[in-house]
Amino acid sequence: MKCIKCRIVALDEMGNRVNELEQSINDLKAEMGVEGSPSPLAPSNQKSDEAKQEEGSA
């Protein structure tokens, strides 16, 4: 029984660490102004979508 309790506690601690890391990442993204903005690859995709729309309307 003791080993099972130790494992549960260890898993809980790891889960808490993961949550803290995720929060830290989100905080850093917010500080950098990245939150809600597209990834660096997205603008090239948007351009191709716009080109497709222009071709379709022409």
PDB file of N, CA and C in Angstrom:
ATOM      1  N   MET A   1       0.821  -1.201   0.000  1.00  0.00           N
ATOM      2  CA  MET A   1       0.000   0.000   0.000  1.00  0.00           C
ATOM      3  C   MET A   1       0.858   1.255   0.000  1.00  0.00           C
ATOM      4  N   LYS A   2       1.939   1.237   0.728  1.00  0.00           N
ATOM      5  CA  LYS A   2       2.778   2.423   0.822  1.00  0.00           C
ATOM      6  C   LYS A   2       3.322   2.822  -0.549  1.00  0.00           C
ATOM      7  N   CYS A   3       3.716   1.853  -1.341  1.00  0.00           N
ATOM      8  CA  CYS A   3       4.259   2.163  -2.668  1.00  0.00           C
ATOM      9  C   CYS A   3       3.205   2.799  -3.558  1.00  0.00           C
ATOM     10  N   ILE A   4       1.975   2.342  -3.477  1.00  0.00           N
ATOM     11  CA  ILE A   4       0.913   2.909  -4.293  1.00  0.00           C
ATOM     12  C   ILE A   4       0.676   4.361  -3.903  1.00  0.00           C
ATOM     13  N   LYS A   5       0.648   4.644  -2.621  1.00  0.00           N
ATOM     14  CA  LYS A   5       0.454   6.028  -2.173  1.00  0.00           C
ATOM     15  C   LYS A   5       1.603   6.907  -2.628  1.00  0.00           C
ATOM     16  N   CYS A   6       2.820   6.380  -2.576  1.00  0.00           N
ATOM     17  CA  CYS A   6       3.985   7.154  -3.023  1.00  0.00           C
ATOM     18  C   CYS A   6       3.888   7.468  -4.506  1.00  0.00           C
ATOM     19  N   ARG A   7       3.426   6.506  -5.281  1.00  0.00           N
ATOM     20  CA  ARG A   7       3.298   6.717  -6.720  1.00  0.00           C
ATOM     21  C   ARG A   7       2.228   7.752  -7.027  1.00  0.00           C
ATOM     22  N   ILE A   8       1.121   7.676  -6.287  1.00  0.00           N
ATOM     23  CA  ILE A   8       0.047   8.647  -6.504  1.00  0.00           C
ATOM     24  C   ILE A   8       0.533  10.054  -6.180  1.00  0.00           C
ATOM     25  N   VAL A   9       1.248  10.187  -5.077  1.00  0.00           N
ATOM     26  CA  VAL A   9       1.777  11.493  -4.690  1.00  0.00           C
ATOM     27  C   VAL A   9       2.756  11.993  -5.745  1.00  0.00           C
ATOM     28  N   ALA A  10       3.620  11.092  -6.234  1.00  0.00           N
ATOM     29  CA  ALA A  10       4.599  11.475  -7.249  1.00  0.00           C
ATOM     30  C   ALA A  10       3.896  11.924  -8.529  1.00  0.00           C
ATOM     31  N   LEU A  11       2.836  11.203  -8.925  1.00  0.00           N
ATOM     32  CA  LEU A  11       2.093  11.592 -10.124  1.00  0.00           C
ATOM     33  C   LEU A  11       1.399  12.927  -9.936  1.00  0.00           C
ATOM     34  N   ASP A  12       0.855  13.156  -8.763  1.00  0.00           N
ATOM     35  CA  ASP A  12       0.220  14.444  -8.475  1.00  0.00           C
ATOM     36  C   ASP A  12       1.238  15.577  -8.563  1.00  0.00           C
ATOM     37  N   GLU A  13       2.419  15.350  -8.025  1.00  0.00           N
ATOM     38  CA  GLU A  13       3.465  16.378  -8.070  1.00  0.00           C
ATOM     39  C   GLU A  13       3.880  16.660  -9.510  1.00  0.00           C
ATOM     40  N   MET A  14       4.018  15.607 -10.311  1.00  0.00           N
ATOM     41  CA  MET A  14       4.384  15.806 -11.709  1.00  0.00           C
ATOM     42  C   MET A  14       3.285  16.560 -12.448  1.00  0.00           C
ATOM     43  N   GLY A  15       2.031  16.216 -12.160  1.00  0.00           N
ATOM     44  CA  GLY A  15       0.917  16.925 -12.790  1.00  0.00           C
ATOM     45  C   GLY A  15       0.925  18.399 -12.425  1.00  0.00           C
ATOM     46  N   ASN A  16       1.218  18.690 -11.164  1.00  0.00           N
ATOM     47  CA  ASN A  16       1.291  20.089 -10.729  1.00  0.00           C
ATOM     48  C   ASN A  16       2.421  20.820 -11.433  1.00  0.00           C
ATOM     49  N   ARG A  17       3.548  20.141 -11.615  1.00  0.00           N
ATOM     50  CA  ARG A  17       4.677  20.768 -12.308  1.00  0.00           C
ATOM     51  C   ARG A  17       4.334  21.063 -13.760  1.00  0.00           C
ATOM     52  N   VAL A  18       3.635  20.120 -14.395  1.00  0.00           N
ATOM     53  CA  VAL A  18       3.222  20.333 -15.785  1.00  0.00           C
ATOM     54  C   VAL A  18       2.291  21.537 -15.868  1.00  0.00           C
ATOM     55  N   ASN A  19       1.336  21.612 -14.944  1.00  0.00           N
ATOM     56  CA  ASN A  19       0.411  22.752 -14.932  1.00  0.00           C
ATOM     57  C   ASN A  19       1.158  24.065 -14.738  1.00  0.00           C
ATOM     58  N   GLU A  20       2.133  24.070 -13.843  1.00  0.00           N
ATOM     59  CA  GLU A  20       2.926  25.279 -13.611  1.00  0.00           C
ATOM     60  C   GLU A  20       3.715  25.667 -14.852  1.00  0.00           C
ATOM     61  N   LEU A  21       4.279  24.672 -15.536  1.00  0.00           N
ATOM     62  CA  LEU A  21       5.034  24.959 -16.758  1.00  0.00           C
ATOM     63  C   LEU A  21       4.121  25.518 -17.846  1.00  0.00           C
ATOM     64  N   GLU A  22       2.943  24.935 -17.992  1.00  0.00           N
ATOM     65  CA  GLU A  22       2.003  25.439 -18.984  1.00  0.00           C
ATOM     66  C   GLU A  22       1.619  26.886 -18.683  1.00  0.00           C
ATOM     67  N   GLN A  23       1.398  27.180 -17.416  1.00  0.00           N
ATOM     68  CA  GLN A  23       1.043  28.543 -17.027  1.00  0.00           C
ATOM     69  C   GLN A  23       2.202  29.496 -17.309  1.00  0.00           C
ATOM     70  N   SER A  24       3.420  29.051 -17.017  1.00  0.00           N
ATOM     71  CA  SER A  24       4.592  29.889 -17.286  1.00  0.00           C
ATOM     72  C   SER A  24       4.734  30.171 -18.775  1.00  0.00           C
ATOM     73  N   ILE A  25       4.498  29.169 -19.592  1.00  0.00           N
ATOM     74  CA  ILE A  25       4.580  29.347 -21.038  1.00  0.00           C
ATOM     75  C   ILE A  25       3.528  30.341 -21.503  1.00  0.00           C
ATOM     76  N   ASN A  26       2.309  30.185 -21.002  1.00  0.00           N
ATOM     77  CA  ASN A  26       1.237  31.112 -21.380  1.00  0.00           C
ATOM     78  C   ASN A  26       1.555  32.533 -20.935  1.00  0.00           C
ATOM     79  N   ASP A  27       2.140  32.677 -19.744  1.00  0.00           N
ATOM     80  CA  ASP A  27       2.523  34.002 -19.258  1.00  0.00           C
ATOM     81  C   ASP A  27       3.590  34.623 -20.160  1.00  0.00           C
ATOM     82  N   LEU A  28       4.578  33.824 -20.554  1.00  0.00           N
ATOM     83  CA  LEU A  28       5.634  34.329 -21.437  1.00  0.00           C
ATOM     84  C   LEU A  28       5.070  34.727 -22.791  1.00  0.00           C
ATOM     85  N   LYS A  29       4.161  33.910 -23.318  1.00  0.00           N
ATOM     86  CA  LYS A  29       3.537  34.251 -24.601  1.00  0.00           C
ATOM     87  C   LYS A  29       2.781  35.570 -24.490  1.00  0.00           C
ATOM     88  N   ALA A  30       2.069  35.740 -23.396  1.00  0.00           N
ATOM     89  CA  ALA A  30       1.313  36.974 -23.203  1.00  0.00           C
ATOM     90  C   ALA A  30       2.247  38.173 -23.117  1.00  0.00           C
ATOM     91  N   GLU A  31       3.354  38.017 -22.423  1.00  0.00           N
ATOM     92  CA  GLU A  31       4.325  39.112 -22.308  1.00  0.00           C
ATOM     93  C   GLU A  31       4.902  39.482 -23.662  1.00  0.00           C
ATOM     94  N   MET A  32       5.088  38.483 -24.514  1.00  0.00           N
ATOM     95  CA  MET A  32       5.667  38.729 -25.832  1.00  0.00           C
ATOM     96  C   MET A  32       4.612  39.182 -26.835  1.00  0.00           C
ATOM     97  N   GLY A  33       3.359  39.142 -26.452  1.00  0.00           N
ATOM     98  CA  GLY A  33       2.299  39.524 -27.371  1.00  0.00           C
ATOM     99  C   GLY A  33       1.975  38.450 -28.374  1.00  0.00           C
ATOM    100  N   VAL A  34       2.311  37.220 -28.064  1.00  0.00           N
ATOM    101  CA  VAL A  34       2.103  36.110 -28.989  1.00  0.00           C
ATOM    102  C   VAL A  34       0.713  35.515 -28.835  1.00  0.00           C
ATOM    103  N   GLU A  35       0.120  35.660 -27.683  1.00  0.00           N
ATOM    104  CA  GLU A  35      -1.166  35.034 -27.404  1.00  0.00           C
ATOM    105  C   GLU A  35      -2.215  35.513 -28.391  1.00  0.00           C
ATOM    106  N   GLY A  36      -2.842  34.577 -29.078  1.00  0.00           N
ATOM    107  CA  GLY A  36      -3.886  34.906 -30.030  1.00  0.00           C
ATOM    108  C   GLY A  36      -3.378  35.295 -31.401  1.00  0.00           C
ATOM    109  N   SER A  37      -2.082  35.405 -31.576  1.00  0.00           N
ATOM    110  CA  SER A  37      -1.556  35.765 -32.886  1.00  0.00           C
ATOM    111  C   SER A  37      -1.193  34.490 -33.644  1.00  0.00           C
ATOM    112  N   PRO A  38      -1.202  34.555 -34.958  1.00  0.00           N
ATOM    113  CA  PRO A  38      -0.888  33.367 -35.747  1.00  0.00           C
ATOM    114  C   PRO A  38       0.577  32.989 -35.646  1.00  0.00           C
ATOM    115  N   SER A  39       0.849  31.755 -35.975  1.00  0.00           N
ATOM    116  CA  SER A  39       2.223  31.292 -35.966  1.00  0.00           C
ATOM    117  C   SER A  39       2.969  31.905 -37.145  1.00  0.00           C
ATOM    118  N   PRO A  40       4.307  31.841 -37.146  1.00  0.00           N
ATOM    119  CA  PRO A  40       5.074  32.444 -38.247  1.00  0.00           C
ATOM    120  C   PRO A  40       4.723  31.854 -39.607  1.00  0.00           C
ATOM    121  N   LEU A  41       4.258  30.615 -39.647  1.00  0.00           N
ATOM    122  CA  LEU A  41       3.932  29.995 -40.923  1.00  0.00           C
ATOM    123  C   LEU A  41       2.563  30.431 -41.427  1.00  0.00           C
ATOM    124  N   ALA A  42       1.714  30.924 -40.564  1.00  0.00           N
ATOM    125  CA  ALA A  42       0.350  31.267 -40.947  1.00  0.00           C
ATOM    126  C   ALA A  42       0.273  32.360 -42.012  1.00  0.00           C
ATOM    127  N   PRO A  43       1.098  33.423 -41.979  1.00  0.00           N
ATOM    128  CA  PRO A  43       0.964  34.464 -43.007  1.00  0.00           C
ATOM    129  C   PRO A  43       1.124  33.941 -44.423  1.00  0.00           C
ATOM    130  N   SER A  44       2.020  33.000 -44.649  1.00  0.00           N
ATOM    131  CA  SER A  44       2.189  32.467 -45.993  1.00  0.00           C
ATOM    132  C   SER A  44       0.946  31.690 -46.404  1.00  0.00           C
ATOM    133  N   ASN A  45       0.324  30.996 -45.458  1.00  0.00           N
ATOM    134  CA  ASN A  45      -0.913  30.289 -45.754  1.00  0.00           C
ATOM    135  C   ASN A  45      -2.034  31.270 -46.055  1.00  0.00           C
ATOM    136  N   GLN A  46      -2.083  32.367 -45.328  1.00  0.00           N
ATOM    137  CA  GLN A  46      -3.114  33.366 -45.550  1.00  0.00           C
ATOM    138  C   GLN A  46      -2.967  33.978 -46.937  1.00  0.00           C
ATOM    139  N   LYS A  47      -1.746  34.216 -47.355  1.00  0.00           N
ATOM    140  CA  LYS A  47      -1.517  34.781 -48.671  1.00  0.00           C
ATOM    141  C   LYS A  47      -2.019  33.847 -49.748  1.00  0.00           C
ATOM    142  N   SER A  48      -1.756  32.556 -49.599  1.00  0.00           N
ATOM    143  CA  SER A  48      -2.214  31.616 -50.609  1.00  0.00           C
ATOM    144  C   SER A  48      -3.734  31.526 -50.608  1.00  0.00           C
ATOM    145  N   ASP A  49      -4.367  31.638 -49.442  1.00  0.00           N
ATOM    146  CA  ASP A  49      -5.824  31.645 -49.362  1.00  0.00           C
ATOM    147  C   ASP A  49      -6.389  32.884 -50.051  1.00  0.00           C
ATOM    148  N   GLU A  50      -5.755  34.042 -49.836  1.00  0.00           N
ATOM    149  CA  GLU A  50      -6.199  35.275 -50.469  1.00  0.00           C
ATOM    150  C   GLU A  50      -6.058  35.173 -51.981  1.00  0.00           C
ATOM    151  N   ALA A  51      -4.970  34.577 -52.425  1.00  0.00           N
ATOM    152  CA  ALA A  51      -4.751  34.414 -53.866  1.00  0.00           C
ATOM    153  C   ALA A  51      -5.826  33.510 -54.459  1.00  0.00           C
ATOM    154  N   LYS A  52      -6.187  32.470 -53.735  1.00  0.00           N
ATOM    155  CA  LYS A  52      -7.236  31.572 -54.212  1.00  0.00           C
ATOM    156  C   LYS A  52      -8.563  32.307 -54.316  1.00  0.00           C
ATOM    157  N   GLN A  53      -8.860  33.161 -53.342  1.00  0.00           N
ATOM    158  CA  GLN A  53     -10.110  33.914 -53.357  1.00  0.00           C
ATOM    159  C   GLN A  53     -10.136  34.880 -54.537  1.00  0.00           C
ATOM    160  N   GLU A  54      -8.996  35.514 -54.810  1.00  0.00           N
ATOM    161  CA  GLU A  54      -8.916  36.447 -55.929  1.00  0.00           C
ATOM    162  C   GLU A  54      -9.096  35.718 -57.249  1.00  0.00           C
ATOM    163  N   GLU A  55      -8.502  34.526 -57.351  1.00  0.00           N
ATOM    164  CA  GLU A  55      -8.632  33.748 -58.572  1.00  0.00           C
ATOM    165  C   GLU A  55     -10.084  33.317 -58.767  1.00  0.00           C
ATOM    166  N   GLY A  56     -10.730  32.954 -57.682  1.00  0.00           N
ATOM    167  CA  GLY A  56     -12.118  32.517 -57.767  1.00  0.00           C
ATOM    168  C   GLY A  56     -13.064  33.640 -58.124  1.00  0.00           C
ATOM    169  N   SER A  57     -12.759  34.870 -57.712  1.00  0.00           N
ATOM    170  CA  SER A  57     -13.633  36.011 -57.994  1.00  0.00           C
ATOM    171  C   SER A  57     -13.371  36.609 -59.375  1.00  0.00           C
ATOM    172  N   ALA A  58     -12.260  36.262 -59.989  1.00  0.00           N
ATOM    173  CA  ALA A  58     -11.888  36.843 -61.280  1.00  0.00           C
ATOM    174  C   ALA A  58     -12.591  36.189 -62.435  1.00  0.00           C
TER     175      ALA A  58
END
